[in-house]
Amino acid sequence: MSLVGFLVAAVLLSVVLIPLFMLFQSSRQTTSNSINSILAAQLISTQIEKLKALPFRKLERYIVNPTRPNLPDGEPDIPDIIAGPFEADPETPDIVEDGLFRSGGVGFDRLTFIAYFPEPNPDPGSPDFFRNRQRIRLRVLVRWTESGAGNIPQARKLVMSTIVQNENYHPKPALGPR
């Protein structure tokens, strides 16, 4: 085998092997990133299910008693905020869990926003003030930083929302035309 033949073989081999190694690295990166997304979705659904399992009035304490939402059952349930405003603008999280979970060098933070729905600050002068306080929107955001292309850190986030209605609220149907 001549030197030229050896060099041609080495070039062809490198042309085939380098993309193959790059493919493996890209595949590993994609798998790692999808695992992080799955973990974030699991952290969100766990929080949503935990909050949905609470009785409506205990969930509402995060809105009307923002400084002390976890009152013991024996304490009087006197709200700190009676007529609003219930939410700040811009909205601030009601539950903050920094460094909640760690997996493979990636740390996950979870922020939970709890607000009345459809209006976070219902008008106390409105005849529908009580009715507008019978549904609560839960929005959970999980954020993390993972390595992206070229091992450059990229901030990621995943958000999910759901609506919880007061299980004891049964409005009477309207009689006749309005």
N, C-alpha and C. Protein backbone atom coordinates (compact mmCIF):
# COMPACT_ATOMS: atom_id res chain seq x y z
N MET A 1 0.86 -1.17 0.00
CA MET A 1 0.00 0.00 0.00
C MET A 1 0.91 1.23 0.00
N SER A 2 0.61 2.12 -0.90
CA SER A 2 1.43 3.32 -1.02
C SER A 2 0.99 4.37 -0.02
N LEU A 3 1.78 5.40 0.13
CA LEU A 3 1.47 6.49 1.04
C LEU A 3 0.21 7.23 0.60
N VAL A 4 0.01 7.38 -0.68
CA VAL A 4 -1.18 8.05 -1.20
C VAL A 4 -2.43 7.23 -0.87
N GLY A 5 -2.34 5.94 -1.05
CA GLY A 5 -3.46 5.06 -0.73
C GLY A 5 -3.80 5.11 0.76
N PHE A 6 -2.75 5.15 1.59
CA PHE A 6 -2.96 5.24 3.04
C PHE A 6 -3.63 6.56 3.41
N LEU A 7 -3.19 7.67 2.82
CA LEU A 7 -3.78 8.97 3.11
C LEU A 7 -5.23 9.04 2.65
N VAL A 8 -5.54 8.49 1.48
CA VAL A 8 -6.92 8.47 0.98
C VAL A 8 -7.79 7.64 1.92
N ALA A 9 -7.30 6.52 2.38
CA ALA A 9 -8.06 5.67 3.30
C ALA A 9 -8.30 6.39 4.62
N ALA A 10 -7.28 7.11 5.12
CA ALA A 10 -7.42 7.84 6.38
C ALA A 10 -8.44 8.98 6.25
N VAL A 11 -8.43 9.67 5.14
CA VAL A 11 -9.39 10.76 4.92
C VAL A 11 -10.81 10.20 4.83
N LEU A 12 -10.99 9.12 4.06
CA LEU A 12 -12.33 8.51 3.94
C LEU A 12 -12.82 8.00 5.30
N LEU A 13 -11.92 7.41 6.05
CA LEU A 13 -12.31 6.92 7.38
C LEU A 13 -12.72 8.08 8.29
N SER A 14 -11.97 9.16 8.27
CA SER A 14 -12.32 10.31 9.12
C SER A 14 -13.61 10.97 8.65
N VAL A 15 -13.85 11.00 7.33
CA VAL A 15 -15.09 11.58 6.81
C VAL A 15 -16.29 10.76 7.28
N VAL A 16 -16.13 9.49 7.46
CA VAL A 16 -17.23 8.63 7.93
C VAL A 16 -17.35 8.66 9.45
N LEU A 17 -16.24 8.60 10.16
CA LEU A 17 -16.28 8.48 11.62
C LEU A 17 -16.65 9.77 12.34
N ILE A 18 -16.16 10.92 11.88
CA ILE A 18 -16.44 12.18 12.57
C ILE A 18 -17.95 12.46 12.62
N PRO A 19 -18.70 12.38 11.50
CA PRO A 19 -20.16 12.58 11.60
C PRO A 19 -20.85 11.54 12.48
N LEU A 20 -20.30 10.33 12.48
CA LEU A 20 -20.90 9.29 13.32
C LEU A 20 -20.75 9.64 14.80
N PHE A 21 -19.57 10.11 15.20
CA PHE A 21 -19.37 10.52 16.59
C PHE A 21 -20.22 11.74 16.94
N MET A 22 -20.36 12.67 16.01
CA MET A 22 -21.21 13.84 16.24
C MET A 22 -22.67 13.42 16.41
N LEU A 23 -23.10 12.43 15.65
CA LEU A 23 -24.46 11.91 15.76
C LEU A 23 -24.70 11.33 17.15
N PHE A 24 -23.72 10.59 17.67
CA PHE A 24 -23.86 10.02 19.01
C PHE A 24 -23.97 11.12 20.07
N GLN A 25 -23.13 12.14 19.94
CA GLN A 25 -23.16 13.24 20.90
C GLN A 25 -24.50 13.98 20.83
N SER A 26 -24.99 14.23 19.64
CA SER A 26 -26.28 14.90 19.48
C SER A 26 -27.42 14.06 20.05
N SER A 27 -27.35 12.76 19.82
CA SER A 27 -28.37 11.86 20.34
C SER A 27 -28.38 11.85 21.87
N ARG A 28 -27.19 11.83 22.47
CA ARG A 28 -27.10 11.87 23.94
C ARG A 28 -27.66 13.17 24.49
N GLN A 29 -27.35 14.28 23.83
CA GLN A 29 -27.84 15.60 24.27
C GLN A 29 -29.37 15.65 24.19
N THR A 30 -29.94 15.16 23.10
CA THR A 30 -31.39 15.16 22.93
C THR A 30 -32.08 14.30 23.99
N THR A 31 -31.50 13.15 24.28
CA THR A 31 -32.06 12.27 25.31
C THR A 31 -32.03 12.95 26.67
N SER A 32 -30.91 13.57 26.99
CA SER A 32 -30.78 14.27 28.27
C SER A 32 -31.80 15.40 28.39
N ASN A 33 -31.97 16.18 27.33
CA ASN A 33 -32.91 17.29 27.36
C ASN A 33 -34.35 16.81 27.47
N SER A 34 -34.68 15.70 26.81
CA SER A 34 -36.05 15.20 26.91
C SER A 34 -36.33 14.64 28.30
N ILE A 35 -35.32 14.07 28.94
CA ILE A 35 -35.50 13.59 30.32
C ILE A 35 -35.79 14.77 31.24
N ASN A 36 -35.09 15.88 31.04
CA ASN A 36 -35.33 17.08 31.86
C ASN A 36 -36.75 17.60 31.66
N SER A 37 -37.24 17.57 30.43
CA SER A 37 -38.62 18.02 30.17
C SER A 37 -39.63 17.10 30.84
N ILE A 38 -39.37 15.82 30.82
CA ILE A 38 -40.28 14.86 31.47
C ILE A 38 -40.28 15.08 32.98
N LEU A 39 -39.10 15.31 33.56
CA LEU A 39 -39.02 15.59 35.00
C LEU A 39 -39.78 16.86 35.35
N ALA A 40 -39.65 17.90 34.53
CA ALA A 40 -40.35 19.16 34.77
C ALA A 40 -41.86 18.95 34.71
N ALA A 41 -42.33 18.19 33.73
CA ALA A 41 -43.77 17.91 33.62
C ALA A 41 -44.27 17.14 34.83
N GLN A 42 -43.46 16.22 35.33
CA GLN A 42 -43.85 15.46 36.53
C GLN A 42 -43.90 16.35 37.76
N LEU A 43 -42.95 17.26 37.90
CA LEU A 43 -42.97 18.19 39.04
C LEU A 43 -44.20 19.09 38.99
N ILE A 44 -44.59 19.50 37.79
CA ILE A 44 -45.78 20.35 37.64
C ILE A 44 -47.04 19.57 37.98
N SER A 45 -47.19 18.38 37.42
CA SER A 45 -48.43 17.63 37.66
C SER A 45 -48.55 17.22 39.13
N THR A 46 -47.44 16.95 39.78
CA THR A 46 -47.48 16.63 41.21
C THR A 46 -48.02 17.80 42.02
N GLN A 47 -47.54 19.01 41.72
CA GLN A 47 -48.00 20.20 42.44
C GLN A 47 -49.47 20.49 42.15
N ILE A 48 -49.88 20.38 40.90
CA ILE A 48 -51.27 20.64 40.54
C ILE A 48 -52.20 19.66 41.25
N GLU A 49 -51.86 18.39 41.23
CA GLU A 49 -52.71 17.38 41.88
C GLU A 49 -52.75 17.57 43.39
N LYS A 50 -51.63 17.97 43.99
CA LYS A 50 -51.60 18.21 45.44
C LYS A 50 -52.54 19.36 45.80
N LEU A 51 -52.50 20.44 45.01
CA LEU A 51 -53.34 21.60 45.30
C LEU A 51 -54.81 21.33 44.97
N LYS A 52 -55.08 20.58 43.91
CA LYS A 52 -56.47 20.26 43.57
C LYS A 52 -57.13 19.37 44.62
N ALA A 53 -56.32 18.62 45.37
CA ALA A 53 -56.86 17.74 46.40
C ALA A 53 -57.29 18.51 47.65
N LEU A 54 -56.84 19.76 47.80
CA LEU A 54 -57.22 20.56 48.96
C LEU A 54 -58.67 21.01 48.84
N PRO A 55 -59.37 21.15 49.95
CA PRO A 55 -60.70 21.77 49.89
C PRO A 55 -60.56 23.21 49.35
N PHE A 56 -61.59 23.68 48.68
CA PHE A 56 -61.53 24.98 48.02
C PHE A 56 -61.15 26.09 49.00
N ARG A 57 -61.70 26.10 50.19
CA ARG A 57 -61.42 27.18 51.15
C ARG A 57 -59.95 27.17 51.59
N LYS A 58 -59.35 25.99 51.72
CA LYS A 58 -57.92 25.94 52.07
C LYS A 58 -57.07 26.45 50.91
N LEU A 59 -57.47 26.14 49.70
CA LEU A 59 -56.75 26.65 48.53
C LEU A 59 -56.91 28.17 48.43
N GLU A 60 -58.09 28.66 48.77
CA GLU A 60 -58.36 30.10 48.71
C GLU A 60 -57.51 30.88 49.72
N ARG A 61 -57.05 30.22 50.77
CA ARG A 61 -56.22 30.90 51.78
C ARG A 61 -54.94 31.46 51.17
N TYR A 62 -54.43 30.84 50.11
CA TYR A 62 -53.23 31.38 49.46
C TYR A 62 -53.52 32.75 48.85
N ILE A 63 -54.79 33.04 48.56
CA ILE A 63 -55.16 34.32 47.96
C ILE A 63 -55.54 35.33 49.04
N VAL A 64 -56.39 34.93 49.99
CA VAL A 64 -56.89 35.88 50.99
C VAL A 64 -56.01 35.99 52.23
N ASN A 65 -55.14 35.03 52.46
CA ASN A 65 -54.18 35.08 53.57
C ASN A 65 -52.78 34.85 53.03
N PRO A 66 -52.28 35.75 52.19
CA PRO A 66 -51.00 35.46 51.53
C PRO A 66 -49.81 35.35 52.48
N THR A 67 -49.88 35.98 53.65
CA THR A 67 -48.75 35.91 54.57
C THR A 67 -48.78 34.66 55.43
N ARG A 68 -49.92 34.02 55.55
CA ARG A 68 -50.04 32.82 56.38
C ARG A 68 -51.11 31.88 55.80
N PRO A 69 -50.81 31.24 54.64
CA PRO A 69 -51.82 30.40 54.01
C PRO A 69 -52.08 29.08 54.72
N ASN A 70 -51.13 28.59 55.51
CA ASN A 70 -51.29 27.29 56.15
C ASN A 70 -51.76 27.42 57.59
N LEU A 71 -52.98 27.90 57.77
CA LEU A 71 -53.53 28.03 59.12
C LEU A 71 -53.86 26.66 59.67
N PRO A 72 -53.55 26.42 60.93
CA PRO A 72 -54.02 25.17 61.54
C PRO A 72 -55.55 25.15 61.55
N ASP A 73 -56.14 23.98 61.52
CA ASP A 73 -57.59 23.87 61.42
C ASP A 73 -58.32 24.48 62.61
N GLY A 74 -57.68 24.57 63.77
CA GLY A 74 -58.34 25.12 64.94
C GLY A 74 -58.38 26.65 64.97
N GLU A 75 -57.50 27.31 64.20
CA GLU A 75 -57.45 28.77 64.21
C GLU A 75 -58.62 29.37 63.46
N PRO A 76 -59.10 30.56 63.88
CA PRO A 76 -60.19 31.19 63.14
C PRO A 76 -59.73 31.55 61.72
N ASP A 77 -60.61 31.29 60.78
CA ASP A 77 -60.30 31.53 59.37
C ASP A 77 -60.74 32.93 58.97
N ILE A 78 -60.02 33.93 59.45
CA ILE A 78 -60.35 35.32 59.15
C ILE A 78 -59.40 35.78 58.06
N PRO A 79 -59.94 36.17 56.90
CA PRO A 79 -59.05 36.57 55.81
C PRO A 79 -58.34 37.89 56.10
N ASP A 80 -57.12 37.99 55.59
CA ASP A 80 -56.37 39.24 55.68
C ASP A 80 -56.87 40.26 54.66
N ILE A 81 -57.29 39.75 53.51
CA ILE A 81 -57.77 40.61 52.43
C ILE A 81 -59.24 40.25 52.18
N ILE A 82 -60.13 41.21 52.33
CA ILE A 82 -61.56 40.93 52.18
C ILE A 82 -62.08 41.37 50.83
N ALA A 83 -61.73 42.57 50.40
CA ALA A 83 -62.31 43.10 49.17
C ALA A 83 -61.27 43.33 48.08
N GLY A 84 -60.06 42.84 48.24
CA GLY A 84 -59.05 42.96 47.20
C GLY A 84 -58.22 44.21 47.39
N PRO A 85 -57.27 44.49 46.55
CA PRO A 85 -56.88 43.62 45.44
C PRO A 85 -56.16 42.36 45.94
N PHE A 86 -56.41 41.27 45.24
CA PHE A 86 -55.88 39.98 45.66
C PHE A 86 -54.55 39.67 44.98
N GLU A 87 -54.33 40.23 43.81
CA GLU A 87 -53.11 39.95 43.04
C GLU A 87 -52.36 41.24 42.74
N ALA A 88 -51.05 41.15 42.79
CA ALA A 88 -50.19 42.29 42.42
C ALA A 88 -50.00 42.28 40.91
N ASP A 89 -49.60 43.42 40.38
CA ASP A 89 -49.31 43.50 38.96
C ASP A 89 -47.89 44.01 38.81
N PRO A 90 -46.95 43.26 38.34
CA PRO A 90 -47.05 41.93 37.74
C PRO A 90 -47.26 40.86 38.81
N GLU A 91 -47.83 39.77 38.38
CA GLU A 91 -48.19 38.67 39.28
C GLU A 91 -46.93 38.09 39.92
N THR A 92 -47.02 37.83 41.22
CA THR A 92 -45.91 37.22 41.95
C THR A 92 -46.31 35.81 42.36
N PRO A 93 -45.36 34.89 42.43
CA PRO A 93 -45.71 33.52 42.79
C PRO A 93 -46.15 33.42 44.25
N ASP A 94 -47.13 32.54 44.49
CA ASP A 94 -47.62 32.31 45.85
C ASP A 94 -46.79 31.26 46.57
N ILE A 95 -46.24 30.32 45.82
CA ILE A 95 -45.38 29.29 46.40
C ILE A 95 -44.10 29.26 45.57
N VAL A 96 -42.97 29.48 46.21
CA VAL A 96 -41.66 29.46 45.53
C VAL A 96 -40.84 28.32 46.12
N GLU A 97 -40.39 27.42 45.25
CA GLU A 97 -39.55 26.30 45.70
C GLU A 97 -38.28 26.29 44.84
N ASP A 98 -37.27 27.04 45.30
CA ASP A 98 -35.99 27.08 44.59
C ASP A 98 -35.19 25.83 44.93
N GLY A 99 -34.50 25.28 43.94
CA GLY A 99 -33.69 24.09 44.18
C GLY A 99 -34.52 22.90 44.62
N LEU A 100 -35.72 22.77 44.10
CA LEU A 100 -36.65 21.72 44.52
C LEU A 100 -36.12 20.33 44.23
N PHE A 101 -35.52 20.15 43.06
CA PHE A 101 -35.09 18.82 42.64
C PHE A 101 -33.80 18.96 41.84
N ARG A 102 -32.94 17.96 41.96
CA ARG A 102 -31.67 17.97 41.24
C ARG A 102 -31.50 16.63 40.55
N SER A 103 -31.14 16.68 39.25
CA SER A 103 -30.94 15.45 38.49
C SER A 103 -29.82 15.67 37.48
N GLY A 104 -28.76 14.90 37.61
CA GLY A 104 -27.66 14.98 36.65
C GLY A 104 -27.03 16.35 36.54
N GLY A 105 -26.89 17.06 37.62
CA GLY A 105 -26.29 18.38 37.57
C GLY A 105 -27.25 19.49 37.17
N VAL A 106 -28.52 19.16 36.95
CA VAL A 106 -29.52 20.16 36.57
C VAL A 106 -30.44 20.38 37.77
N GLY A 107 -30.60 21.65 38.17
CA GLY A 107 -31.48 21.99 39.29
C GLY A 107 -32.80 22.54 38.77
N PHE A 108 -33.89 22.15 39.40
CA PHE A 108 -35.23 22.56 39.00
C PHE A 108 -35.84 23.47 40.08
N ASP A 109 -36.42 24.58 39.65
CA ASP A 109 -37.15 25.50 40.54
C ASP A 109 -38.62 25.44 40.14
N ARG A 110 -39.51 25.49 41.14
CA ARG A 110 -40.95 25.44 40.86
C ARG A 110 -41.62 26.68 41.46
N LEU A 111 -42.38 27.39 40.62
CA LEU A 111 -43.14 28.56 41.04
C LEU A 111 -44.62 28.28 40.82
N THR A 112 -45.43 28.53 41.83
CA THR A 112 -46.87 28.28 41.73
C THR A 112 -47.61 29.59 41.91
N PHE A 113 -48.49 29.88 40.96
CA PHE A 113 -49.31 31.09 40.98
C PHE A 113 -50.76 30.66 41.21
N ILE A 114 -51.40 31.26 42.21
CA ILE A 114 -52.78 30.93 42.55
C ILE A 114 -53.58 32.22 42.50
N ALA A 115 -54.64 32.24 41.67
CA ALA A 115 -55.42 33.47 41.50
C ALA A 115 -56.86 33.12 41.17
N TYR A 116 -57.76 34.05 41.48
CA TYR A 116 -59.15 33.86 41.06
C TYR A 116 -59.22 33.86 39.54
N PHE A 117 -60.26 33.20 39.02
CA PHE A 117 -60.45 33.13 37.58
C PHE A 117 -61.91 33.43 37.27
N PRO A 118 -62.26 34.18 36.28
CA PRO A 118 -61.50 34.73 35.18
C PRO A 118 -60.81 36.05 35.51
N GLU A 119 -61.19 36.69 36.59
CA GLU A 119 -60.55 37.97 36.98
C GLU A 119 -59.74 37.75 38.25
N PRO A 120 -58.43 38.00 38.22
CA PRO A 120 -57.64 37.82 39.44
C PRO A 120 -58.02 38.79 40.55
N ASN A 121 -58.55 39.97 40.17
CA ASN A 121 -58.98 40.97 41.14
C ASN A 121 -60.44 41.34 40.86
N PRO A 122 -61.39 40.52 41.31
CA PRO A 122 -62.79 40.87 41.05
C PRO A 122 -63.17 42.18 41.72
N ASP A 123 -64.07 42.90 41.09
CA ASP A 123 -64.53 44.20 41.59
C ASP A 123 -65.48 43.99 42.77
N PRO A 124 -65.12 44.50 43.98
CA PRO A 124 -65.99 44.30 45.14
C PRO A 124 -67.33 45.00 45.00
N GLY A 125 -67.46 46.00 44.11
CA GLY A 125 -68.72 46.69 43.91
C GLY A 125 -69.64 45.96 42.94
N SER A 126 -69.14 44.95 42.28
CA SER A 126 -69.93 44.22 41.29
C SER A 126 -70.92 43.27 41.97
N PRO A 127 -72.12 43.11 41.41
CA PRO A 127 -73.05 42.12 41.97
C PRO A 127 -72.55 40.70 41.81
N ASP A 128 -71.59 40.48 40.92
CA ASP A 128 -71.02 39.15 40.70
C ASP A 128 -69.74 38.91 41.50
N PHE A 129 -69.45 39.76 42.48
CA PHE A 129 -68.22 39.65 43.25
C PHE A 129 -68.08 38.27 43.88
N PHE A 130 -69.11 37.78 44.54
CA PHE A 130 -69.04 36.47 45.18
C PHE A 130 -68.90 35.37 44.13
N ARG A 131 -69.65 35.46 43.06
CA ARG A 131 -69.61 34.43 42.00
C ARG A 131 -68.23 34.39 41.34
N ASN A 132 -67.61 35.56 41.16
CA ASN A 132 -66.30 35.60 40.52
C ASN A 132 -65.19 35.06 41.41
N ARG A 133 -65.50 34.75 42.66
CA ARG A 133 -64.50 34.18 43.57
C ARG A 133 -64.71 32.68 43.78
N GLN A 134 -65.45 32.03 42.89
CA GLN A 134 -65.74 30.61 43.05
C GLN A 134 -64.88 29.70 42.19
N ARG A 135 -64.01 30.29 41.39
CA ARG A 135 -63.06 29.51 40.58
C ARG A 135 -61.66 30.07 40.79
N ILE A 136 -60.71 29.16 40.84
CA ILE A 136 -59.31 29.53 41.05
C ILE A 136 -58.46 28.90 39.94
N ARG A 137 -57.57 29.73 39.39
CA ARG A 137 -56.62 29.24 38.39
C ARG A 137 -55.31 28.88 39.09
N LEU A 138 -54.85 27.66 38.86
CA LEU A 138 -53.54 27.23 39.33
C LEU A 138 -52.60 27.22 38.14
N ARG A 139 -51.51 27.94 38.25
CA ARG A 139 -50.50 27.95 37.18
C ARG A 139 -49.17 27.61 37.81
N VAL A 140 -48.55 26.54 37.30
CA VAL A 140 -47.28 26.08 37.86
C VAL A 140 -46.21 26.19 36.77
N LEU A 141 -45.10 26.80 37.13
CA LEU A 141 -43.98 27.00 36.22
C LEU A 141 -42.76 26.31 36.81
N VAL A 142 -42.11 25.48 36.01
CA VAL A 142 -40.85 24.86 36.42
C VAL A 142 -39.78 25.38 35.48
N ARG A 143 -38.66 25.84 36.06
CA ARG A 143 -37.56 26.34 35.24
C ARG A 143 -36.28 25.61 35.63
N TRP A 144 -35.42 25.46 34.63
CA TRP A 144 -34.14 24.80 34.83
C TRP A 144 -33.18 25.28 33.75
N THR A 145 -31.90 25.02 33.95
CA THR A 145 -30.88 25.37 32.97
C THR A 145 -30.17 24.09 32.57
N GLU A 146 -30.11 23.86 31.26
CA GLU A 146 -29.44 22.67 30.75
C GLU A 146 -28.45 23.07 29.67
N SER A 147 -27.50 22.19 29.38
CA SER A 147 -26.53 22.53 28.35
C SER A 147 -27.16 22.33 26.98
N GLY A 148 -26.96 23.31 26.12
CA GLY A 148 -27.51 23.25 24.77
C GLY A 148 -26.42 22.95 23.77
N ALA A 149 -26.59 23.46 22.57
CA ALA A 149 -25.61 23.24 21.51
C ALA A 149 -24.27 23.84 21.91
N GLY A 150 -23.22 23.05 21.76
CA GLY A 150 -21.89 23.53 22.12
C GLY A 150 -21.70 23.69 23.61
N ASN A 151 -22.49 22.97 24.42
CA ASN A 151 -22.43 23.03 25.88
C ASN A 151 -22.65 24.44 26.43
N ILE A 152 -23.41 25.24 25.72
CA ILE A 152 -23.77 26.58 26.20
C ILE A 152 -25.03 26.42 27.05
N PRO A 153 -25.03 26.90 28.30
CA PRO A 153 -26.22 26.77 29.15
C PRO A 153 -27.43 27.51 28.55
N GLN A 154 -28.55 26.83 28.55
CA GLN A 154 -29.80 27.41 28.06
C GLN A 154 -30.86 27.31 29.14
N ALA A 155 -31.53 28.43 29.40
CA ALA A 155 -32.62 28.44 30.38
C ALA A 155 -33.86 27.86 29.71
N ARG A 156 -34.51 26.95 30.40
CA ARG A 156 -35.74 26.32 29.91
C ARG A 156 -36.83 26.51 30.95
N LYS A 157 -38.08 26.46 30.47
CA LYS A 157 -39.20 26.50 31.40
C LYS A 157 -40.37 25.75 30.79
N LEU A 158 -41.22 25.26 31.67
CA LEU A 158 -42.43 24.57 31.27
C LEU A 158 -43.54 25.06 32.19
N VAL A 159 -44.70 25.40 31.61
CA VAL A 159 -45.81 25.96 32.38
C VAL A 159 -47.07 25.17 32.07
N MET A 160 -47.85 24.88 33.10
CA MET A 160 -49.17 24.26 32.95
C MET A 160 -50.15 24.96 33.87
N SER A 161 -51.42 25.02 33.43
CA SER A 161 -52.46 25.66 34.23
C SER A 161 -53.69 24.76 34.29
N THR A 162 -54.48 24.98 35.32
CA THR A 162 -55.77 24.31 35.43
C THR A 162 -56.70 25.22 36.23
N ILE A 163 -57.98 24.91 36.18
CA ILE A 163 -58.99 25.68 36.90
C ILE A 163 -59.63 24.77 37.95
N VAL A 164 -59.80 25.30 39.15
CA VAL A 164 -60.46 24.57 40.24
C VAL A 164 -61.71 25.36 40.62
N GLN A 165 -62.84 24.66 40.71
CA GLN A 165 -64.09 25.32 41.09
C GLN A 165 -64.48 24.90 42.50
N ASN A 166 -65.14 25.82 43.20
CA ASN A 166 -65.62 25.55 44.55
C ASN A 166 -66.63 24.41 44.49
N GLU A 167 -66.31 23.32 45.16
CA GLU A 167 -67.17 22.13 45.13
C GLU A 167 -68.50 22.35 45.86
N ASN A 168 -68.59 23.37 46.69
CA ASN A 168 -69.82 23.65 47.43
C ASN A 168 -70.67 24.75 46.82
N TYR A 169 -70.24 25.30 45.70
CA TYR A 169 -70.97 26.39 45.07
C TYR A 169 -71.90 25.83 44.01
N HIS A 170 -73.21 26.02 44.23
CA HIS A 170 -74.22 25.54 43.28
C HIS A 170 -75.16 26.70 42.99
N PRO A 171 -74.84 27.50 41.97
CA PRO A 171 -75.71 28.65 41.68
C PRO A 171 -77.07 28.19 41.18
N LYS A 172 -78.07 28.98 41.52
CA LYS A 172 -79.42 28.68 41.06
C LYS A 172 -79.54 29.12 39.61
N PRO A 173 -80.24 28.36 38.78
CA PRO A 173 -80.39 28.78 37.38
C PRO A 173 -81.23 30.06 37.29
N ALA A 174 -80.93 30.84 36.29
CA ALA A 174 -81.66 32.09 36.08
C ALA A 174 -83.10 31.77 35.66
N LEU A 175 -84.04 32.53 36.20
CA LEU A 175 -85.45 32.32 35.87
C LEU A 175 -85.88 33.37 34.85
N GLY A 176 -86.33 32.91 33.71
CA GLY A 176 -86.85 33.82 32.70
C GLY A 176 -85.76 34.59 31.98
N PRO A 177 -86.17 35.42 31.01
CA PRO A 177 -85.18 36.19 30.25
C PRO A 177 -84.61 37.32 31.09
N ARG A 178 -83.40 37.68 30.79
CA ARG A 178 -82.72 38.75 31.53
C ARG A 178 -82.89 40.06 30.86
